[in-house]
């Protein structure tokens, strides 16, 4: 028996060895051998090994096909699904608000959503963490424990003496100042400057 063929060719298919010599068994498994049958071959054993080879071949070809389909999908299909609309609670009921119309979320004993038109609604989420998970991180930034801000409403950023940052928002939110700690300041600068 010569194993030289395996040095010349890289075979990735399952290989069944049928031989009269049992001393090559270990070497056979090192070159994609899936079984090692000694002569005389039992027909039942041969049938089982062939079925095993077919199963392995099917499994091997199925994966690349699935991988190929995955690679052919547009990148947008692989993006996480972020929330598109939030329901705001008002005195008269619920108000659907598109995510693009939200200026910021604020925590003050309960969670509020403030729209670009400066409408203020409570939202039915217990924590800011829950809200943050639903938002696209390229559009919204968690400034601190109290605020998640929409990139589009930031007018300017001021540096403070202690390396803290203060966000000034566009009108009608110009009276709202949002602090960013000095620990979060470098990450915020990278986020804003992408």
C-alpha atoms as a PDB file:
ATOM      1  CA  UNK A   1       0.000   0.000   0.000  1.00  0.00           C
ATOM      2  CA  UNK A   2       1.399   3.419  -0.969  1.00  0.00           C
ATOM      3  CA  UNK A   3       0.393   6.636   0.756  1.00  0.00           C
ATOM      4  CA  UNK A   4       2.416   8.749  -1.690  1.00  0.00           C
ATOM      5  CA  UNK A   5      -0.749   9.697  -3.570  1.00  0.00           C
ATOM      6  CA  UNK A   6      -1.904  11.629  -0.487  1.00  0.00           C
ATOM      7  CA  UNK A   7       1.312  13.650  -0.498  1.00  0.00           C
ATOM      8  CA  UNK A   8       0.764  14.625  -4.155  1.00  0.00           C
ATOM      9  CA  UNK A   9      -2.971  15.370  -3.938  1.00  0.00           C
ATOM     10  CA  UNK A  10      -4.966  17.079  -1.222  1.00  0.00           C
ATOM     11  CA  UNK A  11      -8.148  15.017  -1.069  1.00  0.00           C
ATOM     12  CA  UNK A  12     -11.001  16.340   1.002  1.00  0.00           C
ATOM     13  CA  UNK A  13     -13.433  13.526   0.270  1.00  0.00           C
ATOM     14  CA  UNK A  14     -13.982  10.620   2.659  1.00  0.00           C
ATOM     15  CA  UNK A  15     -11.699   7.669   1.951  1.00  0.00           C
ATOM     16  CA  UNK A  16     -12.467   4.005   2.685  1.00  0.00           C
ATOM     17  CA  UNK A  17      -9.411   1.776   2.939  1.00  0.00           C
ATOM     18  CA  UNK A  18      -9.775  -1.867   1.963  1.00  0.00           C
ATOM     19  CA  UNK A  19      -6.635  -3.948   2.449  1.00  0.00           C
ATOM     20  CA  UNK A  20      -5.222  -7.166   3.779  1.00  0.00           C
ATOM     21  CA  UNK A  21      -2.755  -5.340   6.021  1.00  0.00           C
ATOM     22  CA  UNK A  22      -3.802  -4.008   9.392  1.00  0.00           C
ATOM     23  CA  UNK A  23      -0.558  -2.118  10.137  1.00  0.00           C
ATOM     24  CA  UNK A  24      -1.609   0.911   8.034  1.00  0.00           C
ATOM     25  CA  UNK A  25      -4.809   1.711   9.932  1.00  0.00           C
ATOM     26  CA  UNK A  26      -3.424   4.661  11.946  1.00  0.00           C
ATOM     27  CA  UNK A  27      -1.813   6.192   8.869  1.00  0.00           C
ATOM     28  CA  UNK A  28      -5.092   5.778   6.935  1.00  0.00           C
ATOM     29  CA  UNK A  29      -7.057   7.901   9.408  1.00  0.00           C
ATOM     30  CA  UNK A  30      -4.484  10.683   9.123  1.00  0.00           C
ATOM     31  CA  UNK A  31      -5.365  11.132   5.427  1.00  0.00           C
ATOM     32  CA  UNK A  32      -9.185  11.488   5.645  1.00  0.00           C
ATOM     33  CA  UNK A  33      -9.828   7.803   6.107  1.00  0.00           C
ATOM     34  CA  UNK A  34     -13.308   7.235   7.520  1.00  0.00           C
ATOM     35  CA  UNK A  35     -12.964   3.480   7.876  1.00  0.00           C
ATOM     36  CA  UNK A  36     -10.463   0.656   7.427  1.00  0.00           C
ATOM     37  CA  UNK A  37     -11.779  -2.692   6.198  1.00  0.00           C
ATOM     38  CA  UNK A  38      -9.687  -5.841   6.199  1.00  0.00           C
ATOM     39  CA  UNK A  39     -10.047  -8.463   3.480  1.00  0.00           C
ATOM     40  CA  UNK A  40     -12.104 -10.522   3.128  1.00  0.00           C
ATOM     41  CA  UNK A  41     -14.670  -7.747   3.352  1.00  0.00           C
ATOM     42  CA  UNK A  42     -18.007  -8.442   4.992  1.00  0.00           C
ATOM     43  CA  UNK A  43     -20.768  -7.111   2.655  1.00  0.00           C
ATOM     44  CA  UNK A  44     -22.734  -5.686   5.641  1.00  0.00           C
ATOM     45  CA  UNK A  45     -19.670  -3.771   6.878  1.00  0.00           C
ATOM     46  CA  UNK A  46     -19.038  -2.429   3.380  1.00  0.00           C
ATOM     47  CA  UNK A  47     -22.676  -1.261   3.102  1.00  0.00           C
ATOM     48  CA  UNK A  48     -22.453   0.559   6.451  1.00  0.00           C
ATOM     49  CA  UNK A  49     -19.199   2.270   5.480  1.00  0.00           C
ATOM     50  CA  UNK A  50     -20.589   3.394   2.118  1.00  0.00           C
ATOM     51  CA  UNK A  51     -23.679   4.806   3.863  1.00  0.00           C
ATOM     52  CA  UNK A  52     -21.380   6.618   6.301  1.00  0.00           C
ATOM     53  CA  UNK A  53     -19.393   8.090   3.384  1.00  0.00           C
ATOM     54  CA  UNK A  54     -22.588   9.269   1.668  1.00  0.00           C
ATOM     55  CA  UNK A  55     -23.816  10.912   4.892  1.00  0.00           C
ATOM     56  CA  UNK A  56     -20.501  12.682   5.358  1.00  0.00           C
ATOM     57  CA  UNK A  57     -20.512  13.830   1.734  1.00  0.00           C
ATOM     58  CA  UNK A  58     -24.052  15.214   2.033  1.00  0.00           C
ATOM     59  CA  UNK A  59     -23.164  17.044   5.243  1.00  0.00           C
ATOM     60  CA  UNK A  60     -19.988  18.395   3.685  1.00  0.00           C
ATOM     61  CA  UNK A  61     -21.720  19.731   0.565  1.00  0.00           C
ATOM     62  CA  UNK A  62     -24.725  21.093   2.461  1.00  0.00           C
ATOM     63  CA  UNK A  63     -22.664  23.454   4.551  1.00  0.00           C
ATOM     64  CA  UNK A  64     -20.919  25.291   1.716  1.00  0.00           C
ATOM     65  CA  UNK A  65     -24.248  25.741  -0.101  1.00  0.00           C
ATOM     66  CA  UNK A  66     -25.749  27.359   3.019  1.00  0.00           C
ATOM     67  CA  UNK A  67     -22.619  29.421   3.474  1.00  0.00           C
ATOM     68  CA  UNK A  68     -22.794  30.482  -0.172  1.00  0.00           C
ATOM     69  CA  UNK A  69     -26.423  31.613   0.271  1.00  0.00           C
ATOM     70  CA  UNK A  70     -25.461  33.552   3.362  1.00  0.00           C
ATOM     71  CA  UNK A  71     -22.619  35.271   1.522  1.00  0.00           C
ATOM     72  CA  UNK A  72     -24.932  36.198  -1.373  1.00  0.00           C
ATOM     73  CA  UNK A  73     -27.405  37.974   0.922  1.00  0.00           C
ATOM     74  CA  UNK A  74     -27.081  41.720   0.915  1.00  0.00           C
ATOM     75  CA  UNK A  75     -25.302  43.192   3.919  1.00  0.00           C
ATOM     76  CA  UNK A  76     -28.541  44.865   4.997  1.00  0.00           C
ATOM     77  CA  UNK A  77     -30.131  41.451   5.523  1.00  0.00           C
ATOM     78  CA  UNK A  78     -27.445  40.642   8.091  1.00  0.00           C
ATOM     79  CA  UNK A  79     -27.887  43.838  10.105  1.00  0.00           C
ATOM     80  CA  UNK A  80     -29.752  43.610  13.387  1.00  0.00           C
ATOM     81  CA  UNK A  81     -33.339  44.754  13.367  1.00  0.00           C
ATOM     82  CA  UNK A  82     -33.666  47.955  15.333  1.00  0.00           C
ATOM     83  CA  UNK A  83     -36.945  49.419  16.439  1.00  0.00           C
ATOM     84  CA  UNK A  84     -38.582  51.725  13.883  1.00  0.00           C
ATOM     85  CA  UNK A  85     -41.405  53.134  15.996  1.00  0.00           C
ATOM     86  CA  UNK A  86     -41.925  53.712  19.704  1.00  0.00           C
ATOM     87  CA  UNK A  87     -45.294  54.132  21.361  1.00  0.00           C
ATOM     88  CA  UNK A  88     -45.452  57.208  23.537  1.00  0.00           C
ATOM     89  CA  UNK A  89     -48.011  57.419  26.314  1.00  0.00           C
ATOM     90  CA  UNK A  90     -50.060  60.600  26.347  1.00  0.00           C
ATOM     91  CA  UNK A  91     -53.160  61.596  28.313  1.00  0.00           C
ATOM     92  CA  UNK A  92     -55.383  60.666  25.418  1.00  0.00           C
ATOM     93  CA  UNK A  93     -53.736  57.328  24.585  1.00  0.00           C
ATOM     94  CA  UNK A  94     -50.735  56.084  22.661  1.00  0.00           C
ATOM     95  CA  UNK A  95     -48.884  58.042  20.020  1.00  0.00           C
ATOM     96  CA  UNK A  96     -46.647  56.207  17.519  1.00  0.00           C
ATOM     97  CA  UNK A  97     -43.366  58.059  16.996  1.00  0.00           C
ATOM     98  CA  UNK A  98     -40.886  57.120  14.269  1.00  0.00           C
ATOM     99  CA  UNK A  99     -37.353  56.634  15.584  1.00  0.00           C
ATOM    100  CA  UNK A 100     -36.043  59.350  13.246  1.00  0.00           C
ATOM    101  CA  UNK A 101     -38.403  61.838  14.904  1.00  0.00           C
ATOM    102  CA  UNK A 102     -36.997  61.196  18.386  1.00  0.00           C
ATOM    103  CA  UNK A 103     -34.523  63.787  19.681  1.00  0.00           C
ATOM    104  CA  UNK A 104     -33.562  61.962  22.866  1.00  0.00           C
ATOM    105  CA  UNK A 105     -34.655  59.672  25.666  1.00  0.00           C
ATOM    106  CA  UNK A 106     -34.413  60.904  29.229  1.00  0.00           C
ATOM    107  CA  UNK A 107     -34.762  59.210  32.594  1.00  0.00           C
ATOM    108  CA  UNK A 108     -36.420  61.185  35.422  1.00  0.00           C
ATOM    109  CA  UNK A 109     -38.026  58.599  37.747  1.00  0.00           C
ATOM    110  CA  UNK A 110     -39.673  57.230  34.555  1.00  0.00           C
ATOM    111  CA  UNK A 111     -38.376  57.052  30.998  1.00  0.00           C
ATOM    112  CA  UNK A 112     -39.372  59.841  28.636  1.00  0.00           C
ATOM    113  CA  UNK A 113     -39.081  60.131  24.897  1.00  0.00           C
ATOM    114  CA  UNK A 114     -38.738  63.670  23.538  1.00  0.00           C
ATOM    115  CA  UNK A 115     -39.440  64.279  19.865  1.00  0.00           C
ATOM    116  CA  UNK A 116     -37.740  66.759  17.569  1.00  0.00           C
ATOM    117  CA  UNK A 117     -40.908  68.873  17.821  1.00  0.00           C
ATOM    118  CA  UNK A 118     -40.343  68.916  21.607  1.00  0.00           C
ATOM    119  CA  UNK A 119     -43.285  66.649  22.416  1.00  0.00           C
ATOM    120  CA  UNK A 120     -42.651  64.639  25.572  1.00  0.00           C
ATOM    121  CA  UNK A 121     -44.065  61.141  26.154  1.00  0.00           C
ATOM    122  CA  UNK A 122     -43.474  58.432  28.715  1.00  0.00           C
ATOM    123  CA  UNK A 123     -42.450  55.060  27.298  1.00  0.00           C
ATOM    124  CA  UNK A 124     -43.193  51.607  28.669  1.00  0.00           C
ATOM    125  CA  UNK A 125     -39.630  50.476  29.276  1.00  0.00           C
ATOM    126  CA  UNK A 126     -38.300  50.051  32.786  1.00  0.00           C
ATOM    127  CA  UNK A 127     -34.665  50.883  32.081  1.00  0.00           C
ATOM    128  CA  UNK A 128     -32.611  52.966  29.707  1.00  0.00           C
ATOM    129  CA  UNK A 129     -30.619  49.799  28.953  1.00  0.00           C
ATOM    130  CA  UNK A 130     -33.749  48.227  27.438  1.00  0.00           C
ATOM    131  CA  UNK A 131     -34.290  51.277  25.247  1.00  0.00           C
ATOM    132  CA  UNK A 132     -30.635  51.425  24.218  1.00  0.00           C
ATOM    133  CA  UNK A 133     -30.729  47.821  22.966  1.00  0.00           C
ATOM    134  CA  UNK A 134     -33.587  48.686  20.603  1.00  0.00           C
ATOM    135  CA  UNK A 135     -31.807  51.633  18.969  1.00  0.00           C
ATOM    136  CA  UNK A 136     -29.286  51.734  16.135  1.00  0.00           C
ATOM    137  CA  UNK A 137     -25.966  52.647  17.811  1.00  0.00           C
ATOM    138  CA  UNK A 138     -24.869  54.564  14.721  1.00  0.00           C
ATOM    139  CA  UNK A 139     -27.824  56.944  15.223  1.00  0.00           C
ATOM    140  CA  UNK A 140     -28.216  57.097  19.032  1.00  0.00           C
ATOM    141  CA  UNK A 141     -25.593  57.472  21.731  1.00  0.00           C
ATOM    142  CA  UNK A 142     -25.919  56.652  25.419  1.00  0.00           C
ATOM    143  CA  UNK A 143     -24.443  59.847  26.842  1.00  0.00           C
ATOM    144  CA  UNK A 144     -24.947  58.942  30.506  1.00  0.00           C
ATOM    145  CA  UNK A 145     -27.418  57.197  32.825  1.00  0.00           C
ATOM    146  CA  UNK A 146     -30.101  59.787  32.106  1.00  0.00           C
ATOM    147  CA  UNK A 147     -29.795  60.436  28.347  1.00  0.00           C
ATOM    148  CA  UNK A 148     -29.698  58.634  25.008  1.00  0.00           C
ATOM    149  CA  UNK A 149     -29.329  61.227  22.269  1.00  0.00           C
ATOM    150  CA  UNK A 150     -29.986  61.217  18.518  1.00  0.00           C
ATOM    151  CA  UNK A 151     -26.914  62.228  16.503  1.00  0.00           C
ATOM    152  CA  UNK A 152     -29.004  64.520  14.298  1.00  0.00           C
ATOM    153  CA  UNK A 153     -30.014  66.879  17.141  1.00  0.00           C
ATOM    154  CA  UNK A 154     -26.505  67.602  18.426  1.00  0.00           C
ATOM    155  CA  UNK A 155     -25.618  71.196  17.593  1.00  0.00           C
ATOM    156  CA  UNK A 156     -22.259  71.468  19.325  1.00  0.00           C
ATOM    157  CA  UNK A 157     -19.971  69.922  21.924  1.00  0.00           C
ATOM    158  CA  UNK A 158     -18.172  71.934  24.599  1.00  0.00           C
ATOM    159  CA  UNK A 159     -15.186  70.742  26.593  1.00  0.00           C
ATOM    160  CA  UNK A 160     -15.129  71.450  30.324  1.00  0.00           C
ATOM    161  CA  UNK A 161     -12.046  71.929  32.493  1.00  0.00           C
ATOM    162  CA  UNK A 162     -12.256  68.427  33.930  1.00  0.00           C
ATOM    163  CA  UNK A 163     -12.239  66.832  30.410  1.00  0.00           C
ATOM    164  CA  UNK A 164     -15.990  66.311  30.637  1.00  0.00           C
ATOM    165  CA  UNK A 165     -18.056  67.169  27.546  1.00  0.00           C
ATOM    166  CA  UNK A 166     -21.364  69.017  27.348  1.00  0.00           C
ATOM    167  CA  UNK A 167     -23.683  68.522  24.380  1.00  0.00           C
ATOM    168  CA  UNK A 168     -25.726  71.483  23.194  1.00  0.00           C
ATOM    169  CA  UNK A 169     -28.792  70.422  21.216  1.00  0.00           C
ATOM    170  CA  UNK A 170     -30.482  72.108  18.279  1.00  0.00           C
ATOM    171  CA  UNK A 171     -33.604  74.207  18.769  1.00  0.00           C
ATOM    172  CA  UNK A 172     -36.179  73.637  20.233  1.00  0.00           C
ATOM    173  CA  UNK A 173     -33.956  71.630  22.622  1.00  0.00           C
ATOM    174  CA  UNK A 174     -31.313  74.347  22.999  1.00  0.00           C
ATOM    175  CA  UNK A 175     -31.982  74.657  26.732  1.00  0.00           C
ATOM    176  CA  UNK A 176     -31.059  71.017  27.311  1.00  0.00           C
ATOM    177  CA  UNK A 177     -27.428  70.351  28.204  1.00  0.00           C
ATOM    178  CA  UNK A 178     -26.271  66.735  28.224  1.00  0.00           C
ATOM    179  CA  UNK A 179     -23.105  65.812  30.106  1.00  0.00           C
ATOM    180  CA  UNK A 180     -20.660  63.166  28.961  1.00  0.00           C
ATOM    181  CA  UNK A 181     -18.130  62.017  31.538  1.00  0.00           C
ATOM    182  CA  UNK A 182     -14.414  62.269  30.889  1.00  0.00           C
ATOM    183  CA  UNK A 183     -14.271  58.443  30.833  1.00  0.00           C
ATOM    184  CA  UNK A 184     -16.828  58.296  27.992  1.00  0.00           C
ATOM    185  CA  UNK A 185     -15.504  61.388  26.175  1.00  0.00           C
ATOM    186  CA  UNK A 186     -12.941  59.566  23.944  1.00  0.00           C
ATOM    187  CA  UNK A 187     -15.518  56.971  22.835  1.00  0.00           C
ATOM    188  CA  UNK A 188     -18.068  59.701  22.145  1.00  0.00           C
ATOM    189  CA  UNK A 189     -15.558  61.655  20.029  1.00  0.00           C
ATOM    190  CA  UNK A 190     -14.864  58.515  17.946  1.00  0.00           C
ATOM    191  CA  UNK A 191     -18.611  57.897  17.557  1.00  0.00           C
ATOM    192  CA  UNK A 192     -19.292  61.471  16.452  1.00  0.00           C
ATOM    193  CA  UNK A 193     -16.271  61.621  14.103  1.00  0.00           C
ATOM    194  CA  UNK A 194     -16.935  58.468  12.085  1.00  0.00           C
END
